[in-house]
Amino acid sequence: MSPASQLDAVAIEIGGMAIALHTQDPRFRALLENRYAGFIKTPRNPQFEFEVELFEPAETMRADEDVQVRLERGEWLLRRGDFQARWDAKAGRGRIRQSRNPYAIDSVLRIVHTLILARQGGFLVHAASAIRGGRAFLFAGVSGGGKTTISRLAPSDATLLTDEISYVRRDGDAYRACGTPFAGELARVGENLSAPLSTLFLLEKGLENRIEPVAEAEAVRLLLRNILFFAEDSELVNLVFRSACEFVQRIPVRRLIFVPDERVWAIIR
């Protein structure tokens, strides 16, 4: 990247993967720097780069329409009402045309990271995550399942990586959980840290705090239900399925039934 292009770039590093966004709009650049504070790095040698073109809200369609992600002639095409993007993964370059809304770039980044992780044995998953005692713990669940509650109850010696979308990266025969800027109800960006992953807990609210084993087949099924993946691509779908199977063979998966008070963290270890 040339010195001139560095000046218009904001590089966002999530999970050790740096993506540089080039924009000529100083207000949008400031918005990105504020939105992803803690995940911004010097845009010297990013793994991937995107040129970002903004359009006005009057041009947008429905931002809540279904996301479309497909591979066409070697380029990934990403589309929703508030953005359109083309990405050549091999060349490491792409273009994004989007509204000024930061949620649009949030969605593009999530999709791009799911495509990257699919070939590396990792994934993004609907789960809170935290580091305690040098180890990371995942807390997966559907909306309302307790991710925000378990995050809010975390003790002072726990570092919150996210309360909404966790970044799981393959690390040899093990896995690491990485912080993300994708916040949920707490509206709090996670810490840009990572740690070896110890356990995946499947959350369930109950009348007492207890941990139950989960059969491997059920663990795979419930993990797949929570993994984020958007591409209409059979090869990558198969890779994600294989990654989920390998994950549950290497990482303990437990059901965490809990009462919503801080005492639940006494059994998380």
Protein backbone atom coordinates (compact mmCIF):
# COMPACT_ATOMS: atom_id res chain seq x y z
CA MET A 1 0.00 0.00 0.00
CA SER A 2 1.40 3.39 -0.97
CA PRO A 3 1.88 6.18 1.64
CA ALA A 4 -0.88 8.18 -0.05
CA SER A 5 -3.36 5.30 0.16
CA GLN A 6 -2.44 4.70 3.81
CA LEU A 7 -3.78 8.16 4.62
CA ASP A 8 -7.32 7.30 3.48
CA ALA A 9 -7.39 3.82 5.01
CA VAL A 10 -8.75 2.48 8.26
CA ALA A 11 -7.42 -1.01 9.05
CA ILE A 12 -9.64 -3.10 11.31
CA GLU A 13 -8.00 -6.16 12.86
CA ILE A 14 -10.26 -8.90 14.22
CA GLY A 15 -8.96 -12.34 15.13
CA GLY A 16 -5.48 -11.33 13.95
CA MET A 17 -6.87 -10.62 10.46
CA ALA A 18 -6.44 -7.02 9.26
CA ILE A 19 -8.85 -5.60 6.67
CA ALA A 20 -8.12 -2.11 5.32
CA LEU A 21 -11.07 0.05 4.29
CA HIS A 22 -10.25 2.94 1.92
CA THR A 23 -12.60 5.91 1.91
CA GLN A 24 -12.28 9.47 0.64
CA ASP A 25 -14.93 10.66 3.10
CA PRO A 26 -13.28 12.02 6.29
CA ARG A 27 -16.54 11.86 8.27
CA PHE A 28 -17.01 8.21 7.44
CA ARG A 29 -13.37 7.50 8.26
CA ALA A 30 -13.87 9.14 11.67
CA LEU A 31 -17.03 7.08 12.16
CA LEU A 32 -15.07 3.87 11.49
CA GLU A 33 -12.27 4.87 13.84
CA ASN A 34 -14.79 5.54 16.60
CA ARG A 35 -16.92 2.47 15.93
CA TYR A 36 -13.96 0.06 15.89
CA ALA A 37 -11.79 1.74 18.54
CA GLY A 38 -9.56 -0.91 20.08
CA PHE A 39 -9.49 -2.89 16.83
CA ILE A 40 -7.76 -0.27 14.68
CA LYS A 41 -4.18 -0.91 13.58
CA THR A 42 -1.68 0.91 11.37
CA PRO A 43 -2.71 0.07 7.77
CA ARG A 44 0.77 -1.02 6.70
CA ASN A 45 0.38 -4.62 5.54
CA PRO A 46 -3.30 -5.61 5.71
CA GLN A 47 -4.25 -9.07 4.49
CA PHE A 48 -7.26 -7.69 2.61
CA GLU A 49 -8.33 -4.28 1.26
CA PHE A 50 -11.65 -2.76 0.20
CA GLU A 51 -12.47 0.50 -1.55
CA VAL A 52 -15.63 1.93 0.05
CA GLU A 53 -18.07 4.09 -1.90
CA LEU A 54 -20.97 5.66 -0.02
CA PHE A 55 -24.47 6.35 -1.29
CA GLU A 56 -27.21 8.37 0.33
CA PRO A 57 -30.03 6.79 2.35
CA ALA A 58 -32.54 7.75 -0.33
CA GLU A 59 -30.96 5.16 -2.61
CA THR A 60 -31.20 2.30 -0.12
CA MET A 61 -33.66 -0.54 -0.29
CA ARG A 62 -34.65 -2.54 2.77
CA ALA A 63 -31.67 -2.95 5.09
CA ASP A 64 -33.33 -5.94 6.76
CA GLU A 65 -33.79 -7.97 3.57
CA ASP A 66 -32.02 -11.32 3.33
CA VAL A 67 -28.28 -11.28 2.73
CA GLN A 68 -27.10 -12.80 -0.55
CA VAL A 69 -23.57 -14.23 -0.74
CA ARG A 70 -22.43 -16.19 -3.78
CA LEU A 71 -19.29 -16.91 -5.79
CA GLU A 72 -19.41 -15.70 -9.40
CA ARG A 73 -16.47 -16.01 -11.82
CA GLY A 74 -13.92 -16.05 -9.02
CA GLU A 75 -15.38 -13.13 -7.06
CA TRP A 76 -17.60 -13.15 -4.03
CA LEU A 77 -20.74 -11.06 -4.45
CA LEU A 78 -22.27 -9.77 -1.22
CA ARG A 79 -25.58 -7.96 -1.25
CA ARG A 80 -28.25 -6.57 1.06
CA GLY A 81 -30.47 -3.50 0.84
CA ASP A 82 -27.86 -1.24 2.42
CA PHE A 83 -24.72 -2.60 0.71
CA GLN A 84 -23.31 -4.30 -2.36
CA ALA A 85 -19.79 -5.69 -2.42
CA ARG A 86 -17.47 -7.61 -4.72
CA TRP A 87 -14.43 -9.39 -3.32
CA ASP A 88 -11.61 -11.27 -5.01
CA ALA A 89 -10.35 -13.36 -2.09
CA LYS A 90 -7.26 -14.57 -3.95
CA ALA A 91 -6.17 -11.06 -4.88
CA GLY A 92 -7.16 -9.79 -1.44
CA ARG A 93 -9.06 -6.82 -2.87
CA GLY A 94 -12.66 -5.75 -3.18
CA ARG A 95 -15.13 -2.89 -3.47
CA ILE A 96 -18.04 -1.99 -1.21
CA ARG A 97 -20.90 0.32 -2.12
CA GLN A 98 -22.95 1.03 0.98
CA SER A 99 -24.99 3.49 2.98
CA ARG A 100 -23.27 5.59 5.62
CA ASN A 101 -24.83 3.41 8.31
CA PRO A 102 -22.05 1.61 10.26
CA TYR A 103 -24.22 -1.51 10.52
CA ALA A 104 -23.69 -2.04 6.80
CA ILE A 105 -19.91 -2.31 7.15
CA ASP A 106 -20.44 -4.46 10.25
CA SER A 107 -22.34 -6.96 8.11
CA VAL A 108 -19.75 -6.93 5.33
CA LEU A 109 -16.94 -7.58 7.82
CA ARG A 110 -18.83 -10.46 9.42
CA ILE A 111 -19.49 -12.08 6.05
CA VAL A 112 -15.89 -11.69 4.90
CA HIS A 113 -14.56 -13.18 8.13
CA THR A 114 -16.94 -16.17 7.86
CA LEU A 115 -15.59 -16.86 4.36
CA ILE A 116 -11.99 -16.57 5.55
CA LEU A 117 -12.53 -18.74 8.62
CA ALA A 118 -14.39 -21.46 6.70
CA ARG A 119 -11.15 -22.43 4.94
CA GLN A 120 -9.14 -22.26 8.16
CA GLY A 121 -11.28 -24.52 10.36
CA GLY A 122 -12.76 -21.69 12.40
CA PHE A 123 -16.04 -19.78 12.49
CA LEU A 124 -18.08 -16.93 13.92
CA VAL A 125 -20.72 -18.10 16.37
CA HIS A 126 -23.64 -16.53 18.22
CA ALA A 127 -21.99 -16.73 21.63
CA ALA A 128 -20.67 -14.56 24.39
CA SER A 129 -17.08 -15.24 25.35
CA ALA A 130 -14.72 -14.28 28.14
CA ILE A 131 -11.20 -14.95 29.35
CA ARG A 132 -10.64 -16.03 32.94
CA GLY A 133 -7.49 -17.50 34.38
CA GLY A 134 -5.79 -17.40 30.99
CA ARG A 135 -8.47 -19.56 29.34
CA ALA A 136 -11.42 -18.60 27.18
CA PHE A 137 -14.99 -19.80 27.58
CA LEU A 138 -17.83 -19.62 25.06
CA PHE A 139 -21.49 -19.23 26.02
CA ALA A 140 -23.71 -20.02 23.05
CA GLY A 141 -27.42 -19.52 22.74
CA VAL A 142 -30.20 -18.14 20.59
CA SER A 143 -31.56 -14.65 21.19
CA GLY A 144 -32.86 -14.45 24.76
CA GLY A 145 -30.92 -17.54 25.79
CA GLY A 146 -28.72 -15.76 28.32
CA LYS A 147 -25.64 -14.46 26.48
CA THR A 148 -26.14 -10.91 27.72
CA THR A 149 -27.04 -12.09 31.23
CA ILE A 150 -23.96 -14.30 31.62
CA SER A 151 -21.80 -11.42 30.31
CA ARG A 152 -23.33 -8.91 32.69
CA LEU A 153 -22.73 -11.26 35.64
CA ALA A 154 -19.05 -11.83 34.79
CA PRO A 155 -16.75 -11.22 37.79
CA SER A 156 -14.06 -8.56 37.83
CA ASP A 157 -11.31 -11.08 37.03
CA ALA A 158 -12.99 -12.06 33.75
CA THR A 159 -12.28 -10.17 30.51
CA LEU A 160 -15.25 -9.94 28.16
CA LEU A 161 -14.42 -10.71 24.52
CA THR A 162 -17.99 -10.20 23.30
CA ASP A 163 -21.56 -10.58 24.48
CA GLU A 164 -22.92 -11.47 21.04
CA ILE A 165 -20.64 -12.87 18.30
CA SER A 166 -17.51 -14.85 19.13
CA TYR A 167 -14.54 -15.39 16.84
CA VAL A 168 -13.18 -18.95 16.97
CA ARG A 169 -9.84 -19.54 15.25
CA ARG A 170 -8.17 -22.90 14.67
CA ASP A 171 -4.74 -23.10 16.29
CA GLY A 172 -3.15 -26.42 15.32
CA ASP A 173 -5.12 -29.10 17.16
CA ALA A 174 -6.57 -26.49 19.52
CA TYR A 175 -8.68 -23.34 19.21
CA ARG A 176 -8.47 -19.71 20.30
CA ALA A 177 -11.32 -17.35 21.10
CA CYS A 178 -10.73 -13.78 19.97
CA GLY A 179 -12.45 -10.56 20.94
CA THR A 180 -14.78 -8.84 18.47
CA PRO A 181 -16.30 -5.38 18.13
CA PHE A 182 -19.72 -6.92 17.41
CA ALA A 183 -21.72 -6.03 20.52
CA GLY A 184 -25.14 -7.22 21.62
CA GLU A 185 -27.50 -5.80 24.21
CA LEU A 186 -24.67 -4.62 26.45
CA ALA A 187 -23.66 -2.26 23.62
CA ARG A 188 -20.07 -2.75 24.72
CA VAL A 189 -17.24 -3.56 22.33
CA GLY A 190 -15.20 -6.58 23.43
CA GLU A 191 -11.53 -6.52 24.28
CA ASN A 192 -9.12 -7.10 21.40
CA LEU A 193 -7.48 -10.10 23.07
CA SER A 194 -7.42 -13.85 22.59
CA ALA A 195 -6.82 -16.98 24.68
CA PRO A 196 -6.86 -20.77 24.28
CA LEU A 197 -10.45 -22.01 24.26
CA SER A 198 -11.33 -24.26 27.17
CA THR A 199 -15.07 -25.05 27.00
CA LEU A 200 -18.21 -24.28 25.03
CA PHE A 201 -21.26 -23.88 27.27
CA LEU A 202 -24.76 -24.15 25.80
CA LEU A 203 -26.89 -21.80 27.86
CA GLU A 204 -30.23 -22.65 29.43
CA LYS A 205 -31.96 -20.70 32.18
CA GLY A 206 -33.20 -22.79 35.09
CA LEU A 207 -33.90 -22.96 38.82
CA GLU A 208 -30.38 -23.97 39.86
CA ASN A 209 -26.81 -23.76 38.65
CA ARG A 210 -25.50 -26.98 37.19
CA ILE A 211 -23.49 -28.34 34.26
CA GLU A 212 -24.61 -31.33 32.20
CA PRO A 213 -22.77 -33.35 29.54
CA VAL A 214 -23.90 -33.10 25.92
CA ALA A 215 -23.75 -35.99 23.46
CA GLU A 216 -21.43 -35.36 20.53
CA ALA A 217 -24.16 -35.51 17.87
CA GLU A 218 -26.33 -33.05 19.79
CA ALA A 219 -23.32 -30.79 20.37
CA VAL A 220 -22.64 -30.64 16.62
CA ARG A 221 -26.30 -29.92 15.86
CA LEU A 222 -26.57 -27.12 18.41
CA LEU A 223 -23.22 -25.63 17.44
CA LEU A 224 -24.23 -25.53 13.76
CA ARG A 225 -27.46 -23.79 14.75
CA ASN A 226 -25.41 -20.95 16.23
CA ILE A 227 -22.64 -20.65 13.63
CA LEU A 228 -22.92 -17.64 11.33
CA PHE A 229 -22.63 -18.52 7.67
CA PHE A 230 -24.26 -16.84 4.70
CA ALA A 231 -22.70 -18.19 1.50
CA GLU A 232 -24.62 -20.21 -1.06
CA ASP A 233 -21.64 -22.47 -1.69
CA SER A 234 -21.73 -26.23 -1.17
CA GLU A 235 -17.96 -26.58 -0.79
CA LEU A 236 -17.77 -24.07 2.07
CA VAL A 237 -20.95 -25.41 3.69
CA ASN A 238 -19.28 -28.83 3.84
CA LEU A 239 -16.13 -27.29 5.30
CA VAL A 240 -18.15 -25.55 8.03
CA PHE A 241 -19.91 -28.82 8.87
CA ARG A 242 -16.54 -30.59 9.08
CA SER A 243 -15.16 -27.79 11.26
CA ALA A 244 -18.08 -28.13 13.69
CA CYS A 245 -17.52 -31.90 13.94
CA GLU A 246 -13.79 -31.48 14.56
CA PHE A 247 -14.44 -28.74 17.12
CA VAL A 248 -16.67 -30.88 19.34
CA GLN A 249 -14.12 -33.70 19.19
CA ARG A 250 -11.44 -31.41 20.63
CA ILE A 251 -13.30 -28.93 22.86
CA PRO A 252 -15.62 -29.98 25.71
CA VAL A 253 -19.23 -28.97 25.07
CA ARG A 254 -21.45 -28.74 28.14
CA ARG A 255 -24.96 -27.54 28.91
CA LEU A 256 -24.90 -24.74 31.50
CA ILE A 257 -28.21 -24.44 33.33
CA PHE A 258 -28.14 -21.34 35.46
CA VAL A 259 -29.99 -18.95 37.71
CA PRO A 260 -29.37 -15.33 36.64
CA ASP A 261 -27.09 -14.26 39.47
CA GLU A 262 -23.31 -14.00 39.85
CA ARG A 263 -22.98 -17.34 41.70
CA VAL A 264 -23.10 -19.17 38.36
CA TRP A 265 -19.51 -18.13 37.66
CA ALA A 266 -18.36 -20.25 40.63
CA ILE A 267 -18.94 -23.40 38.52
CA ILE A 268 -17.44 -22.06 35.29
CA ARG A 269 -13.94 -23.49 35.04
